[in-house]
Amino acid sequence: MASSFWWFLDALIVSVIIISAYCGAKKGFLGTLASTLGCVVSMAFAVAVSSPLSDSLYDSLLSESIRTKAGEAIASYEATDEISLALASNYEGVSITSNDVSKALSNPESISESINTLICSGTGQTLSQQETDKLLQDAFETTFSNRVNEMLPSFCMQKLREETKSSNEILADTVYAVVSGNSQTAAEFIETTYIRPVVVAVIKTAVIILIFLVLSVIINFVSGFLLKAILPSPVKAVDKFAGLIIGASLGLIISIVIGMGTDTLITLSDGNLIFLNESTIEKTKLFKYIIL
C-alpha cells in the first residue's frame, strides 16, 4: 500500500516544472535567465564549499560524542562470549568456547581461516570459506548490532552490514578492532569506517540545500529589482515566451534539489517511512531519475 504513493512524487516534480515555466513566462526571459543563472551559481558555490564545511561541522560538533557512544557500546560488548554463543547456536551439541574464539580472532590476517578451522574441528563437517564468512558475519552482526542500535542511529548499523558483507577483509578488520580489548581504538575505527561517511554525507546534503536556497533568494531579489527598473517595454512580449523555456529549466533544477532532500530523508529514516522509501521511489516513472 505504501508504494502506491509513488504517483504523488511524480506529480510533485511535474507541478514544480509547470509552475516554474509559468513564473518564467510571467517574469520574462531576462528575469528568468537571471534567476536560473543565480540558481546555477548558488548550486555550484554550495557544492564547492559543502565538503570542507560538512567535515568541519562533523569534527567540531559530532565526532567526539559519537566516538564516546561507540566506545560505550563496544565496552559493554563481550565480543568473544557472544560470538562463541552465536556460532555454537548453529550446531546443536557442539561446544565453541570464548577461549577458542579469542584465539581464532587474535590475528586479523587469518580470522576467517581460524574460524573455519575451529568450526570444522568441532563439528567434523567441511565448510567452504564463503560459508564460514557468512557465519562469522551473521554472528558478529547479530550480537554487535544489539549494542550499537541502543546508542547510535540505525543507519550506522546498516552501513556496517553493507560494508562487512561486501568485503571479507573489512569484516575481519572490524571484528578484530572490536575484540582487541581497546574500546577507544575500536570506537575510532567504527566511527571512521562506518559512521563518519554516512553522517558527513547527510550534513553535506543539508549544507548544499541551505546555501542554495539562501543564495538563490538573494540573487533573485536583486536581479528582479534591477531588471524591472531598466527593461524597455517593446521587448517584453518576446521576453515572456523565452522566459517560459528558461523557467521550465529552472523547475528541473529545483526538482533535483527536492530529490536530494528526499534521498537524505530516506537515509535518515533507514527507509522506514511508510510513504517514503526506496520501494516507493523505484515505482516512480520520473522522480527516480532526479535523485543523484
Protein backbone atom coordinates (compact mmCIF):
# COMPACT_ATOMS: atom_id res chain seq x y z
CA MET A 1 0.00 0.00 0.00
CA ALA A 2 2.80 2.39 0.88
CA SER A 3 4.37 2.08 -2.58
CA SER A 4 1.12 3.33 -4.19
CA PHE A 5 2.22 6.78 -3.03
CA TRP A 6 4.68 6.95 -5.96
CA TRP A 7 2.32 8.98 -8.17
CA PHE A 8 2.46 11.92 -5.75
CA LEU A 9 6.24 12.24 -6.20
CA ASP A 10 5.89 12.26 -9.99
CA ALA A 11 3.04 14.77 -9.74
CA LEU A 12 5.20 16.93 -7.47
CA ILE A 13 8.07 17.37 -9.91
CA VAL A 14 5.72 17.85 -12.88
CA SER A 15 3.93 20.56 -10.87
CA VAL A 16 7.21 22.21 -9.95
CA ILE A 17 8.31 22.35 -13.59
CA ILE A 18 4.91 23.67 -14.80
CA ILE A 19 4.74 26.33 -12.08
CA SER A 20 8.34 27.35 -12.79
CA ALA A 21 7.54 27.61 -16.50
CA TYR A 22 4.52 29.82 -15.71
CA CYS A 23 6.57 32.01 -13.38
CA GLY A 24 9.26 32.19 -16.05
CA ALA A 25 6.76 33.46 -18.62
CA LYS A 26 5.48 35.99 -16.12
CA LYS A 27 8.96 37.20 -15.21
CA GLY A 28 10.24 37.16 -18.77
CA PHE A 29 13.39 35.77 -20.35
CA LEU A 30 15.89 38.12 -18.79
CA GLY A 31 14.38 37.87 -15.33
CA THR A 32 14.14 34.08 -15.51
CA LEU A 33 17.62 33.81 -17.03
CA ALA A 34 18.96 35.82 -14.13
CA SER A 35 17.12 33.52 -11.72
CA THR A 36 18.40 30.39 -13.48
CA LEU A 37 21.97 31.64 -13.55
CA GLY A 38 21.55 32.59 -9.93
CA CYS A 39 20.46 29.02 -9.12
CA VAL A 40 23.36 27.55 -11.09
CA VAL A 41 25.85 29.84 -9.35
CA SER A 42 24.24 29.13 -5.99
CA MET A 43 24.39 25.37 -6.56
CA ALA A 44 28.00 25.49 -7.80
CA PHE A 45 29.07 27.54 -4.78
CA ALA A 46 27.10 25.33 -2.38
CA VAL A 47 28.68 22.15 -3.78
CA ALA A 48 32.17 23.71 -3.72
CA VAL A 49 32.03 24.65 -0.03
CA SER A 50 29.89 21.75 1.20
CA SER A 51 32.68 19.17 1.57
CA PRO A 52 35.09 21.18 3.75
CA LEU A 53 32.20 22.77 5.66
CA SER A 54 30.45 19.45 6.38
CA ASP A 55 33.75 17.89 7.50
CA SER A 56 34.37 20.85 9.79
CA LEU A 57 30.85 20.73 11.26
CA TYR A 58 31.11 16.99 11.88
CA ASP A 59 34.54 17.23 13.54
CA SER A 60 33.59 20.15 15.76
CA LEU A 61 30.05 19.14 16.74
CA LEU A 62 29.63 15.37 16.45
CA SER A 63 32.85 13.39 16.18
CA GLU A 64 33.77 13.29 19.87
CA SER A 65 30.27 12.45 21.13
CA ILE A 66 29.83 9.72 18.51
CA ARG A 67 33.17 8.14 19.42
CA THR A 68 32.19 8.25 23.09
CA LYS A 69 28.89 6.48 22.38
CA ALA A 70 30.60 3.95 20.13
CA GLY A 71 33.19 3.32 22.86
CA GLU A 72 30.45 2.74 25.43
CA ALA A 73 28.72 0.30 23.10
CA ILE A 74 31.94 -1.63 22.47
CA ALA A 75 32.93 -1.63 26.16
CA SER A 76 29.61 -3.30 27.03
CA TYR A 77 30.03 -5.87 24.27
CA GLU A 78 31.53 -9.17 25.45
CA ALA A 79 32.69 -10.00 21.96
CA THR A 80 34.24 -13.44 22.33
CA ASP A 81 31.47 -14.72 24.63
CA GLU A 82 28.65 -13.50 22.41
CA ILE A 83 30.25 -14.56 19.13
CA SER A 84 31.03 -18.04 20.51
CA LEU A 85 27.40 -18.46 21.61
CA ALA A 86 26.12 -17.21 18.26
CA LEU A 87 28.38 -19.61 16.35
CA ALA A 88 27.56 -22.56 18.61
CA SER A 89 23.83 -21.92 18.20
CA ASN A 90 24.17 -23.07 14.59
CA TYR A 91 25.42 -26.50 15.69
CA GLU A 92 23.46 -28.26 18.44
CA GLY A 93 25.66 -30.18 20.86
CA VAL A 94 28.89 -28.58 19.68
CA SER A 95 30.88 -26.55 22.20
CA ILE A 96 32.63 -23.46 20.88
CA THR A 97 34.12 -21.65 23.88
CA SER A 98 35.03 -18.00 24.19
CA ASN A 99 38.69 -19.02 24.60
CA ASP A 100 38.53 -20.83 21.27
CA VAL A 101 37.01 -17.78 19.60
CA SER A 102 39.51 -15.45 21.30
CA LYS A 103 42.42 -17.44 19.86
CA ALA A 104 40.82 -17.55 16.42
CA LEU A 105 40.28 -13.80 16.44
CA SER A 106 43.76 -12.90 17.71
CA ASN A 107 45.26 -12.40 14.23
CA PRO A 108 43.42 -10.06 11.83
CA GLU A 109 45.25 -11.64 8.87
CA SER A 110 43.70 -15.07 9.41
CA ILE A 111 40.44 -14.59 11.31
CA SER A 112 38.26 -16.21 8.66
CA GLU A 113 40.60 -19.20 8.24
CA SER A 114 40.89 -19.69 12.01
CA ILE A 115 37.11 -19.64 12.48
CA ASN A 116 36.79 -22.14 9.64
CA THR A 117 39.26 -24.48 11.32
CA LEU A 118 37.54 -24.04 14.69
CA ILE A 119 34.08 -24.90 13.35
CA CYS A 120 35.26 -27.80 11.19
CA SER A 121 37.21 -29.40 14.04
CA GLY A 122 34.28 -29.05 16.42
CA THR A 123 31.61 -30.33 14.05
CA GLY A 124 33.52 -32.77 11.87
CA GLN A 125 31.97 -31.03 8.86
CA THR A 126 33.69 -29.38 5.94
CA LEU A 127 32.70 -25.77 5.35
CA SER A 128 33.67 -23.58 2.44
CA GLN A 129 35.37 -20.30 3.21
CA GLN A 130 32.30 -18.49 1.91
CA GLU A 131 30.04 -20.37 4.34
CA THR A 132 32.42 -19.56 7.20
CA ASP A 133 32.48 -15.87 6.31
CA LYS A 134 28.68 -15.86 6.27
CA LEU A 135 28.52 -17.49 9.71
CA LEU A 136 31.03 -15.03 11.15
CA GLN A 137 29.31 -12.07 9.57
CA ASP A 138 25.89 -13.15 10.88
CA ALA A 139 27.25 -13.90 14.37
CA PHE A 140 29.02 -10.55 14.63
CA GLU A 141 26.19 -8.55 13.12
CA THR A 142 23.52 -10.14 15.30
CA THR A 143 25.39 -9.67 18.57
CA PHE A 144 27.08 -6.32 17.89
CA SER A 145 24.04 -4.65 16.34
CA ASN A 146 22.16 -5.10 19.61
CA ARG A 147 24.77 -2.93 21.33
CA VAL A 148 25.16 -0.30 18.60
CA ASN A 149 21.44 0.20 17.98
CA GLU A 150 20.98 1.15 21.63
CA MET A 151 23.30 4.15 21.32
CA LEU A 152 23.65 5.09 17.64
CA PRO A 153 21.24 5.74 14.73
CA SER A 154 20.11 2.61 12.88
CA PHE A 155 21.53 3.84 9.55
CA CYS A 156 25.03 3.49 11.04
CA MET A 157 24.43 -0.22 11.62
CA GLN A 158 23.04 -0.50 8.10
CA LYS A 159 26.32 0.88 6.77
CA LEU A 160 28.25 -1.69 8.84
CA ARG A 161 26.13 -4.52 7.41
CA GLU A 162 26.68 -3.38 3.83
CA GLU A 163 30.44 -2.97 4.21
CA THR A 164 31.08 -6.24 6.06
CA LYS A 165 29.01 -8.17 3.53
CA SER A 166 30.86 -6.61 0.59
CA SER A 167 34.40 -7.32 1.84
CA ASN A 168 35.80 -10.17 3.93
CA GLU A 169 38.83 -8.01 4.70
CA ILE A 170 36.67 -5.25 6.16
CA LEU A 171 34.73 -7.85 8.16
CA ALA A 172 37.97 -9.28 9.61
CA ASP A 173 39.33 -5.81 10.43
CA THR A 174 36.06 -4.83 12.11
CA VAL A 175 35.83 -7.98 14.22
CA TYR A 176 39.48 -7.66 15.24
CA ALA A 177 39.07 -3.98 16.15
CA VAL A 178 36.09 -4.74 18.37
CA VAL A 179 37.63 -7.76 20.14
CA SER A 180 41.11 -6.23 20.50
CA GLY A 181 40.33 -5.07 24.04
CA ASN A 182 40.95 -1.37 23.39
CA SER A 183 37.49 0.20 23.24
CA GLN A 184 38.87 3.67 22.34
CA THR A 185 40.79 2.38 19.32
CA ALA A 186 37.84 0.24 18.29
CA ALA A 187 35.49 3.21 18.63
CA GLU A 188 37.73 5.30 16.37
CA PHE A 189 37.72 2.50 13.78
CA ILE A 190 33.92 2.11 13.88
CA GLU A 191 33.37 5.87 13.76
CA THR A 192 35.82 6.47 10.91
CA THR A 193 34.82 3.47 8.80
CA TYR A 194 31.05 3.30 9.23
CA ILE A 195 29.58 6.34 10.96
CA ARG A 196 31.50 9.31 9.62
CA PRO A 197 30.86 8.69 5.88
CA VAL A 198 27.09 8.43 6.41
CA VAL A 199 26.71 11.40 8.77
CA VAL A 200 29.02 13.65 6.73
CA ALA A 201 27.03 12.82 3.59
CA VAL A 202 23.81 13.83 5.36
CA ILE A 203 25.36 17.07 6.64
CA LYS A 204 26.75 17.80 3.17
CA THR A 205 23.32 17.45 1.57
CA ALA A 206 21.76 19.71 4.21
CA VAL A 207 24.51 22.32 3.71
CA ILE A 208 24.07 22.27 -0.08
CA ILE A 209 20.30 22.74 0.18
CA LEU A 210 20.55 25.52 2.78
CA ILE A 211 23.24 27.53 0.93
CA PHE A 212 21.46 27.02 -2.39
CA LEU A 213 18.15 28.32 -1.05
CA VAL A 214 19.62 31.35 0.72
CA LEU A 215 21.80 32.47 -2.21
CA SER A 216 19.01 31.85 -4.74
CA VAL A 217 16.58 34.07 -2.83
CA ILE A 218 19.15 36.87 -2.54
CA ILE A 219 20.16 36.71 -6.22
CA ASN A 220 16.54 36.56 -7.42
CA PHE A 221 15.54 39.56 -5.34
CA VAL A 222 18.45 41.71 -6.50
CA SER A 223 18.19 40.72 -10.20
CA GLY A 224 14.40 41.18 -10.26
CA PHE A 225 14.65 44.64 -8.79
CA LEU A 226 17.33 45.74 -11.27
CA LEU A 227 15.61 44.31 -14.39
CA LYS A 228 12.27 45.86 -13.51
CA ALA A 229 13.91 49.23 -13.42
CA ILE A 230 15.83 49.00 -16.72
CA LEU A 231 13.87 46.65 -19.12
CA PRO A 232 12.25 48.53 -22.10
CA SER A 233 8.52 47.86 -22.77
CA PRO A 234 8.73 46.84 -26.53
CA VAL A 235 10.73 43.66 -25.86
CA LYS A 236 8.51 42.30 -23.09
CA ALA A 237 6.30 40.00 -25.29
CA VAL A 238 9.22 38.04 -26.74
CA ASP A 239 10.86 38.17 -23.38
CA LYS A 240 7.90 36.35 -21.75
CA PHE A 241 7.90 33.38 -24.18
CA ALA A 242 11.61 32.87 -23.82
CA GLY A 243 11.11 33.14 -20.08
CA LEU A 244 8.78 30.14 -20.17
CA ILE A 245 11.53 27.92 -21.60
CA ILE A 246 14.08 29.09 -19.09
CA GLY A 247 11.53 28.73 -16.28
CA ALA A 248 10.99 25.06 -17.12
CA SER A 249 14.76 24.52 -16.89
CA LEU A 250 14.79 26.22 -13.52
CA GLY A 251 11.98 23.91 -12.40
CA LEU A 252 14.13 20.91 -13.28
CA ILE A 253 16.97 22.24 -11.12
CA ILE A 254 14.56 22.74 -8.21
CA SER A 255 13.25 19.19 -8.72
CA ILE A 256 16.79 17.84 -8.41
CA VAL A 257 17.20 19.68 -5.11
CA ILE A 258 13.91 18.14 -3.91
CA GLY A 259 15.26 14.74 -4.94
CA MET A 260 18.42 15.29 -2.88
CA GLY A 261 16.36 16.21 0.15
CA THR A 262 14.13 13.16 -0.30
CA ASP A 263 17.14 10.84 -0.59
CA THR A 264 18.59 12.29 2.63
CA LEU A 265 15.27 11.83 4.44
CA ILE A 266 15.12 8.17 3.38
CA THR A 267 18.70 7.66 4.63
CA LEU A 268 17.99 9.28 8.00
CA SER A 269 14.85 7.19 8.49
CA ASP A 270 16.65 3.99 7.41
CA GLY A 271 13.92 3.56 4.78
CA ASN A 272 11.25 3.01 7.46
CA LEU A 273 8.89 5.83 6.50
CA ILE A 274 5.56 4.38 5.42
CA PHE A 275 5.05 6.54 2.33
CA LEU A 276 8.63 7.45 1.50
CA ASN A 277 11.15 4.66 1.00
CA GLU A 278 13.27 3.04 -1.70
CA SER A 279 10.39 0.83 -2.86
CA THR A 280 8.21 3.88 -3.46
CA ILE A 281 10.98 5.71 -5.33
CA GLU A 282 11.62 2.69 -7.56
CA LYS A 283 7.98 2.62 -8.69
CA THR A 284 8.00 6.26 -9.83
CA LYS A 285 8.16 6.99 -13.55
CA LEU A 286 10.04 10.31 -13.33
CA PHE A 287 11.12 11.03 -9.76
CA LYS A 288 13.68 8.18 -9.59
CA TYR A 289 15.72 9.83 -12.35
CA ILE A 290 16.31 13.08 -10.46
CA ILE A 291 17.80 11.50 -7.31
CA LEU A 292 21.57 11.95 -7.69
